Amino acid sequence: MLEAKNLTKTYGNKVAVDQLNLAIQPGDIFCLLGANGAGKTTTINLFLNFITPTQGEISIKGIDVVANPLETKKHLAYIPENLMLYPNLNGLENLEYFSGLAGKSFGKDALVNFLTEAGLQKDAHKKRVSKYSKGMRQKVGIAIALAKDAEVLLLDEPTSGLDPKASNEFAALLQKLKEQQVATLMATHDLFRAKETGTHIGIMKEGQLVEQLTTQEIDHSDLEKLYLQHMN
């Protein structure tokens, strides 16, 4: 569903992503761990075609991201650390607008169902987003993914700043999408959430994917040791 082959991105003499090889299947939740500047966000931005690779290949559903950026975006949803919604619109209005941008058109009942499925309480649907917590905004992001019928989900630090309850709720939503065979790539600093939520873990250091394993292969303690070993 997502694939990178020898993916490299340089800025002058700085190598941000170095010969990255990655394959993510439907139903995978692949968590990218690493320190700030390790290349996690750059990798997400390459899949989004926000930036162009220096070399290598990158594809979504077998479609070249660089050659067909609009086509690949039809299949994905993106939730950054701080999801940008229109603050003066309510949740329903934001969902209607952003699903419309994706070429989808829904009646009010369907929009309500998407927000409800994403875990947003009904009394919040008609509140201005400016009154929303970060966790509530992230749920609108999941609702947008549901409305788009996205097959790929790209997440950049989505649980940063969430309280434990909101973080647990977000993790539960990712499990729902996993059951629907959505392929997820998530950049995160949260080792605990990566182990609990992910199916696969990759550790990046200085642009290189230095470890790649399944979450079943390792427990929390050994994951922390492995991560710290690479950070030294």
C-alpha atoms as a PDB file:
ATOM      1  CA  MET A   1       0.000   0.000   0.000  1.00  0.00           C
ATOM      2  CA  LEU A   2       2.946   2.314   0.787  1.00  0.00           C
ATOM      3  CA  GLU A   3       6.399   1.604  -0.554  1.00  0.00           C
ATOM      4  CA  ALA A   4       9.748   3.368  -0.588  1.00  0.00           C
ATOM      5  CA  LYS A   5      12.778   2.056  -2.472  1.00  0.00           C
ATOM      6  CA  ASN A   6      16.200   3.560  -1.783  1.00  0.00           C
ATOM      7  CA  LEU A   7      14.406   6.788  -0.892  1.00  0.00           C
ATOM      8  CA  THR A   8      16.811   9.652  -0.275  1.00  0.00           C
ATOM      9  CA  LYS A   9      16.324  13.342   0.456  1.00  0.00           C
ATOM     10  CA  THR A  10      19.232  15.753   0.799  1.00  0.00           C
ATOM     11  CA  TYR A  11      19.409  19.463   1.524  1.00  0.00           C
ATOM     12  CA  GLY A  12      22.828  20.584   0.351  1.00  0.00           C
ATOM     13  CA  ASN A  13      25.288  18.482   2.329  1.00  0.00           C
ATOM     14  CA  LYS A  14      22.676  17.349   4.859  1.00  0.00           C
ATOM     15  CA  VAL A  15      21.072  13.944   4.317  1.00  0.00           C
ATOM     16  CA  ALA A  16      17.554  14.030   5.800  1.00  0.00           C
ATOM     17  CA  VAL A  17      16.500  10.566   4.561  1.00  0.00           C
ATOM     18  CA  ASP A  18      19.152   8.066   3.538  1.00  0.00           C
ATOM     19  CA  GLN A  19      18.383   5.072   1.285  1.00  0.00           C
ATOM     20  CA  LEU A  20      15.091   4.253   2.996  1.00  0.00           C
ATOM     21  CA  ASN A  21      13.403   0.968   2.065  1.00  0.00           C
ATOM     22  CA  LEU A  22       9.919   0.486   3.465  1.00  0.00           C
ATOM     23  CA  ALA A  23       6.803  -1.537   2.594  1.00  0.00           C
ATOM     24  CA  ILE A  24       3.518  -1.140   4.475  1.00  0.00           C
ATOM     25  CA  GLN A  25       0.630  -3.516   3.804  1.00  0.00           C
ATOM     26  CA  PRO A  26      -3.141  -3.039   4.253  1.00  0.00           C
ATOM     27  CA  GLY A  27      -3.976  -3.282   7.961  1.00  0.00           C
ATOM     28  CA  ASP A  28      -0.435  -2.421   9.083  1.00  0.00           C
ATOM     29  CA  ILE A  29       0.196   0.344  11.598  1.00  0.00           C
ATOM     30  CA  PHE A  30       3.860   1.196  11.076  1.00  0.00           C
ATOM     31  CA  CYS A  31       5.268   3.444  13.814  1.00  0.00           C
ATOM     32  CA  LEU A  32       8.394   5.447  13.026  1.00  0.00           C
ATOM     33  CA  LEU A  33      10.414   6.247  16.146  1.00  0.00           C
ATOM     34  CA  GLY A  34      13.422   8.517  16.395  1.00  0.00           C
ATOM     35  CA  ALA A  35      14.808  11.712  17.873  1.00  0.00           C
ATOM     36  CA  ASN A  36      14.002  15.141  16.463  1.00  0.00           C
ATOM     37  CA  GLY A  37      15.749  15.486  13.115  1.00  0.00           C
ATOM     38  CA  ALA A  38      15.942  11.709  12.546  1.00  0.00           C
ATOM     39  CA  GLY A  39      13.936  11.954   9.306  1.00  0.00           C
ATOM     40  CA  LYS A  40      10.464  10.884  10.441  1.00  0.00           C
ATOM     41  CA  THR A  41       8.552  13.975   9.329  1.00  0.00           C
ATOM     42  CA  THR A  42      10.604  14.203   6.130  1.00  0.00           C
ATOM     43  CA  THR A  43       9.523  10.642   5.304  1.00  0.00           C
ATOM     44  CA  ILE A  44       5.853  11.549   5.864  1.00  0.00           C
ATOM     45  CA  ASN A  45       6.268  14.678   3.707  1.00  0.00           C
ATOM     46  CA  LEU A  46       7.830  12.628   0.898  1.00  0.00           C
ATOM     47  CA  PHE A  47       4.818  10.304   0.826  1.00  0.00           C
ATOM     48  CA  LEU A  48       2.587  13.384   0.732  1.00  0.00           C
ATOM     49  CA  ASN A  49       4.675  14.868  -2.101  1.00  0.00           C
ATOM     50  CA  PHE A  50       5.124  18.042  -0.047  1.00  0.00           C
ATOM     51  CA  ILE A  51       8.797  17.653  -0.942  1.00  0.00           C
ATOM     52  CA  THR A  52      10.494  15.849  -3.835  1.00  0.00           C
ATOM     53  CA  PRO A  53      12.965  12.971  -3.346  1.00  0.00           C
ATOM     54  CA  THR A  54      16.571  13.512  -4.319  1.00  0.00           C
ATOM     55  CA  GLN A  55      16.622   9.902  -5.497  1.00  0.00           C
ATOM     56  CA  GLY A  56      14.753   6.639  -5.096  1.00  0.00           C
ATOM     57  CA  GLU A  57      11.139   5.619  -5.652  1.00  0.00           C
ATOM     58  CA  ILE A  58       8.033   6.232  -3.576  1.00  0.00           C
ATOM     59  CA  SER A  59       4.527   4.914  -4.251  1.00  0.00           C
ATOM     60  CA  ILE A  60       1.032   4.585  -2.800  1.00  0.00           C
ATOM     61  CA  LYS A  61      -1.088   1.672  -4.064  1.00  0.00           C
ATOM     62  CA  GLY A  62       1.596   1.117  -6.680  1.00  0.00           C
ATOM     63  CA  ILE A  63       1.154   4.657  -8.030  1.00  0.00           C
ATOM     64  CA  ASP A  64       4.265   6.835  -8.262  1.00  0.00           C
ATOM     65  CA  VAL A  65       3.831   9.714  -5.808  1.00  0.00           C
ATOM     66  CA  VAL A  66       6.028  12.160  -7.744  1.00  0.00           C
ATOM     67  CA  ALA A  67       4.565  11.436 -11.186  1.00  0.00           C
ATOM     68  CA  ASN A  68       0.917  11.253 -10.010  1.00  0.00           C
ATOM     69  CA  PRO A  69       0.566  13.361  -6.843  1.00  0.00           C
ATOM     70  CA  LEU A  70      -3.132  14.160  -7.241  1.00  0.00           C
ATOM     71  CA  GLU A  71      -4.035  10.524  -7.919  1.00  0.00           C
ATOM     72  CA  THR A  72      -2.169   9.272  -4.833  1.00  0.00           C
ATOM     73  CA  LYS A  73      -3.785  11.919  -2.600  1.00  0.00           C
ATOM     74  CA  LYS A  74      -7.215  10.481  -3.451  1.00  0.00           C
ATOM     75  CA  HIS A  75      -6.300   7.370  -1.483  1.00  0.00           C
ATOM     76  CA  LEU A  76      -4.900   8.945   1.676  1.00  0.00           C
ATOM     77  CA  ALA A  77      -5.732  11.101   4.677  1.00  0.00           C
ATOM     78  CA  TYR A  78      -3.179  13.108   6.636  1.00  0.00           C
ATOM     79  CA  ILE A  79      -3.335  14.116  10.282  1.00  0.00           C
ATOM     80  CA  PRO A  80      -0.413  16.311  11.419  1.00  0.00           C
ATOM     81  CA  GLU A  81       0.528  17.181  14.986  1.00  0.00           C
ATOM     82  CA  ASN A  82      -1.741  20.224  14.840  1.00  0.00           C
ATOM     83  CA  LEU A  83      -4.622  19.570  12.481  1.00  0.00           C
ATOM     84  CA  MET A  84      -5.666  22.746  10.663  1.00  0.00           C
ATOM     85  CA  LEU A  85      -9.434  23.148  10.648  1.00  0.00           C
ATOM     86  CA  TYR A  86     -11.535  26.269  10.181  1.00  0.00           C
ATOM     87  CA  PRO A  87     -12.016  27.603  13.741  1.00  0.00           C
ATOM     88  CA  ASN A  88     -15.189  29.561  12.993  1.00  0.00           C
ATOM     89  CA  LEU A  89     -16.919  26.501  11.508  1.00  0.00           C
ATOM     90  CA  ASN A  90     -18.301  23.670  13.586  1.00  0.00           C
ATOM     91  CA  GLY A  91     -17.304  20.020  13.324  1.00  0.00           C
ATOM     92  CA  LEU A  92     -20.043  19.145  10.847  1.00  0.00           C
ATOM     93  CA  GLU A  93     -19.219  22.114   8.629  1.00  0.00           C
ATOM     94  CA  ASN A  94     -15.499  21.299   8.622  1.00  0.00           C
ATOM     95  CA  LEU A  95     -16.218  17.681   7.748  1.00  0.00           C
ATOM     96  CA  GLU A  96     -18.584  18.712   4.947  1.00  0.00           C
ATOM     97  CA  TYR A  97     -16.010  21.134   3.531  1.00  0.00           C
ATOM     98  CA  PHE A  98     -12.999  18.816   3.618  1.00  0.00           C
ATOM     99  CA  SER A  99     -14.894  15.766   2.332  1.00  0.00           C
ATOM    100  CA  GLY A 100     -16.181  18.018  -0.469  1.00  0.00           C
ATOM    101  CA  LEU A 101     -12.592  18.887  -1.395  1.00  0.00           C
ATOM    102  CA  ALA A 102     -12.035  15.144  -1.819  1.00  0.00           C
ATOM    103  CA  GLY A 103     -14.973  14.994  -4.247  1.00  0.00           C
ATOM    104  CA  LYS A 104     -17.391  13.442  -1.752  1.00  0.00           C
ATOM    105  CA  SER A 105     -20.886  14.692  -1.017  1.00  0.00           C
ATOM    106  CA  PHE A 106     -22.894  13.590   2.011  1.00  0.00           C
ATOM    107  CA  GLY A 107     -26.160  14.509   3.685  1.00  0.00           C
ATOM    108  CA  LYS A 108     -26.272  15.672   7.287  1.00  0.00           C
ATOM    109  CA  ASP A 109     -27.099  12.218   8.668  1.00  0.00           C
ATOM    110  CA  ALA A 110     -24.068  10.662   6.997  1.00  0.00           C
ATOM    111  CA  LEU A 111     -21.783  13.444   8.279  1.00  0.00           C
ATOM    112  CA  VAL A 112     -23.149  12.928  11.804  1.00  0.00           C
ATOM    113  CA  ASN A 113     -22.459   9.204  11.506  1.00  0.00           C
ATOM    114  CA  PHE A 114     -18.839   9.802  10.461  1.00  0.00           C
ATOM    115  CA  LEU A 115     -18.221  12.136  13.418  1.00  0.00           C
ATOM    116  CA  THR A 116     -19.930   9.713  15.798  1.00  0.00           C
ATOM    117  CA  GLU A 117     -17.917   6.773  14.465  1.00  0.00           C
ATOM    118  CA  ALA A 118     -14.784   8.849  14.997  1.00  0.00           C
ATOM    119  CA  GLY A 119     -15.755   9.250  18.640  1.00  0.00           C
ATOM    120  CA  LEU A 120     -16.806  12.898  18.673  1.00  0.00           C
ATOM    121  CA  GLN A 121     -19.692  13.410  21.092  1.00  0.00           C
ATOM    122  CA  LYS A 122     -22.904  14.615  19.454  1.00  0.00           C
ATOM    123  CA  ASP A 123     -23.114  17.764  21.561  1.00  0.00           C
ATOM    124  CA  ALA A 124     -19.814  18.870  19.979  1.00  0.00           C
ATOM    125  CA  HIS A 125     -20.881  18.439  16.356  1.00  0.00           C
ATOM    126  CA  LYS A 126     -22.347  21.932  16.132  1.00  0.00           C
ATOM    127  CA  LYS A 127     -19.810  23.697  18.334  1.00  0.00           C
ATOM    128  CA  ARG A 128     -17.197  25.924  16.726  1.00  0.00           C
ATOM    129  CA  VAL A 129     -13.883  24.128  16.302  1.00  0.00           C
ATOM    130  CA  SER A 130     -12.189  27.056  18.083  1.00  0.00           C
ATOM    131  CA  LYS A 131     -13.731  25.574  21.254  1.00  0.00           C
ATOM    132  CA  TYR A 132     -12.374  22.061  20.575  1.00  0.00           C
ATOM    133  CA  SER A 133      -9.547  20.383  22.432  1.00  0.00           C
ATOM    134  CA  LYS A 134      -6.736  18.860  20.392  1.00  0.00           C
ATOM    135  CA  GLY A 135      -8.233  15.390  20.890  1.00  0.00           C
ATOM    136  CA  MET A 136     -11.556  16.582  19.497  1.00  0.00           C
ATOM    137  CA  ARG A 137      -9.844  18.077  16.427  1.00  0.00           C
ATOM    138  CA  GLN A 138      -8.005  14.796  15.844  1.00  0.00           C
ATOM    139  CA  LYS A 139     -11.367  13.005  15.865  1.00  0.00           C
ATOM    140  CA  VAL A 140     -12.583  15.333  13.115  1.00  0.00           C
ATOM    141  CA  GLY A 141      -9.446  14.308  11.216  1.00  0.00           C
ATOM    142  CA  ILE A 142     -10.380  10.649  11.602  1.00  0.00           C
ATOM    143  CA  ALA A 143     -13.932  11.472  10.464  1.00  0.00           C
ATOM    144  CA  ILE A 144     -12.473  13.101   7.345  1.00  0.00           C
ATOM    145  CA  ALA A 145     -10.462   9.922   6.703  1.00  0.00           C
ATOM    146  CA  LEU A 146     -13.648   7.858   7.079  1.00  0.00           C
ATOM    147  CA  ALA A 147     -15.610  10.149   4.758  1.00  0.00           C
ATOM    148  CA  LYS A 148     -12.857  10.004   2.138  1.00  0.00           C
ATOM    149  CA  ASP A 149     -12.817   6.207   2.469  1.00  0.00           C
ATOM    150  CA  ALA A 150      -9.056   6.600   2.758  1.00  0.00           C
ATOM    151  CA  GLU A 151      -6.993   3.452   2.313  1.00  0.00           C
ATOM    152  CA  VAL A 152      -3.829   5.098   3.635  1.00  0.00           C
ATOM    153  CA  LEU A 153      -3.413   7.188   6.790  1.00  0.00           C
ATOM    154  CA  LEU A 154      -0.323   9.348   7.367  1.00  0.00           C
ATOM    155  CA  LEU A 155       0.137  10.629  10.923  1.00  0.00           C
ATOM    156  CA  ASP A 156       2.795  13.003  12.246  1.00  0.00           C
ATOM    157  CA  GLU A 157       2.941  13.023  16.067  1.00  0.00           C
ATOM    158  CA  PRO A 158      -0.878  12.759  16.338  1.00  0.00           C
ATOM    159  CA  THR A 159      -0.888  11.997  20.079  1.00  0.00           C
ATOM    160  CA  SER A 160       1.595  14.700  21.099  1.00  0.00           C
ATOM    161  CA  GLY A 161      -0.021  16.871  23.759  1.00  0.00           C
ATOM    162  CA  LEU A 162      -3.016  14.587  24.244  1.00  0.00           C
ATOM    163  CA  ASP A 163      -3.940  13.551  27.764  1.00  0.00           C
ATOM    164  CA  PRO A 164      -3.927   9.773  28.483  1.00  0.00           C
ATOM    165  CA  LYS A 165      -7.693   9.420  27.963  1.00  0.00           C
ATOM    166  CA  ALA A 166      -7.619  11.202  24.580  1.00  0.00           C
ATOM    167  CA  SER A 167      -4.515   9.246  23.561  1.00  0.00           C
ATOM    168  CA  ASN A 168      -6.269   5.958  24.394  1.00  0.00           C
ATOM    169  CA  GLU A 169      -9.331   7.019  22.416  1.00  0.00           C
ATOM    170  CA  PHE A 170      -7.155   7.889  19.412  1.00  0.00           C
ATOM    171  CA  ALA A 171      -5.402   4.518  19.632  1.00  0.00           C
ATOM    172  CA  ALA A 172      -8.794   2.769  19.659  1.00  0.00           C
ATOM    173  CA  LEU A 173      -9.780   4.643  16.505  1.00  0.00           C
ATOM    174  CA  LEU A 174      -6.582   3.488  14.790  1.00  0.00           C
ATOM    175  CA  GLN A 175      -7.479  -0.102  15.681  1.00  0.00           C
ATOM    176  CA  LYS A 176     -10.867   0.364  13.998  1.00  0.00           C
ATOM    177  CA  LEU A 177      -9.150   1.597  10.845  1.00  0.00           C
ATOM    178  CA  LYS A 178      -6.711  -1.319  11.047  1.00  0.00           C
ATOM    179  CA  GLU A 179      -9.680  -3.704  11.014  1.00  0.00           C
ATOM    180  CA  GLN A 180     -10.884  -1.919   7.873  1.00  0.00           C
ATOM    181  CA  GLN A 181      -7.491  -2.698   6.290  1.00  0.00           C
ATOM    182  CA  VAL A 182      -6.294   0.901   6.270  1.00  0.00           C
ATOM    183  CA  ALA A 183      -2.487   1.119   5.993  1.00  0.00           C
ATOM    184  CA  THR A 184      -1.088   3.584   8.549  1.00  0.00           C
ATOM    185  CA  LEU A 185       2.324   5.242   8.790  1.00  0.00           C
ATOM    186  CA  MET A 186       2.757   7.158  12.049  1.00  0.00           C
ATOM    187  CA  ALA A 187       5.734   9.245  13.122  1.00  0.00           C
ATOM    188  CA  THR A 188       5.835   9.361  16.917  1.00  0.00           C
ATOM    189  CA  HIS A 189       8.038   9.864  19.983  1.00  0.00           C
ATOM    190  CA  ASP A 190       5.740   7.711  22.110  1.00  0.00           C
ATOM    191  CA  LEU A 191       7.391   4.311  22.578  1.00  0.00           C
ATOM    192  CA  PHE A 192       4.547   3.011  24.737  1.00  0.00           C
ATOM    193  CA  ARG A 193       1.870   3.952  22.195  1.00  0.00           C
ATOM    194  CA  ALA A 194       3.953   2.548  19.336  1.00  0.00           C
ATOM    195  CA  LYS A 195       4.216  -0.822  21.078  1.00  0.00           C
ATOM    196  CA  GLU A 196       0.544  -0.881  22.164  1.00  0.00           C
ATOM    197  CA  THR A 197      -0.971   0.392  18.916  1.00  0.00           C
ATOM    198  CA  GLY A 198       1.445  -0.505  16.127  1.00  0.00           C
ATOM    199  CA  THR A 199       1.917  -3.718  14.203  1.00  0.00           C
ATOM    200  CA  HIS A 200       5.420  -2.719  13.101  1.00  0.00           C
ATOM    201  CA  ILE A 201       8.093  -0.415  14.460  1.00  0.00           C
ATOM    202  CA  GLY A 202      10.946   1.316  12.683  1.00  0.00           C
ATOM    203  CA  ILE A 203      13.674   3.292  14.428  1.00  0.00           C
ATOM    204  CA  MET A 204      15.258   6.117  12.460  1.00  0.00           C
ATOM    205  CA  LYS A 205      18.593   7.755  13.189  1.00  0.00           C
ATOM    206  CA  GLU A 206      20.227  10.432  11.044  1.00  0.00           C
ATOM    207  CA  GLY A 207      17.915   9.634   8.140  1.00  0.00           C
ATOM    208  CA  GLN A 208      18.503   5.886   8.196  1.00  0.00           C
ATOM    209  CA  LEU A 209      16.066   3.164   9.204  1.00  0.00           C
ATOM    210  CA  VAL A 210      18.357   1.397  11.659  1.00  0.00           C
ATOM    211  CA  GLU A 211      15.786  -1.077  13.031  1.00  0.00           C
ATOM    212  CA  GLN A 212      12.618  -2.602  11.632  1.00  0.00           C
ATOM    213  CA  LEU A 213      10.591  -5.193  13.568  1.00  0.00           C
ATOM    214  CA  THR A 214       7.082  -6.299  14.461  1.00  0.00           C
ATOM    215  CA  THR A 215       5.602  -5.303  17.815  1.00  0.00           C
ATOM    216  CA  GLN A 216       5.082  -8.995  18.624  1.00  0.00           C
ATOM    217  CA  GLU A 217       8.849  -9.518  18.545  1.00  0.00           C
ATOM    218  CA  ILE A 218       9.653  -7.216  21.444  1.00  0.00           C
ATOM    219  CA  ASP A 219       8.305  -6.187  24.847  1.00  0.00           C
ATOM    220  CA  HIS A 220       8.145  -2.652  26.256  1.00  0.00           C
ATOM    221  CA  SER A 221      11.372  -2.895  28.228  1.00  0.00           C
ATOM    222  CA  ASP A 222      13.445  -4.297  25.364  1.00  0.00           C
ATOM    223  CA  LEU A 223      12.008  -1.726  22.942  1.00  0.00           C
ATOM    224  CA  GLU A 224      13.092   1.072  25.257  1.00  0.00           C
ATOM    225  CA  LYS A 225      16.587  -0.443  25.564  1.00  0.00           C
ATOM    226  CA  LEU A 226      16.866  -0.847  21.793  1.00  0.00           C
ATOM    227  CA  TYR A 227      15.715   2.715  21.194  1.00  0.00           C
ATOM    228  CA  LEU A 228      18.131   4.200  23.735  1.00  0.00           C
ATOM    229  CA  GLN A 229      20.967   2.093  22.318  1.00  0.00           C
ATOM    230  CA  HIS A 230      20.477   3.760  18.939  1.00  0.00           C
ATOM    231  CA  MET A 231      20.080   7.227  20.432  1.00  0.00           C
ATOM    232  CA  ASN A 232      23.526   7.074  22.097  1.00  0.00           C
END
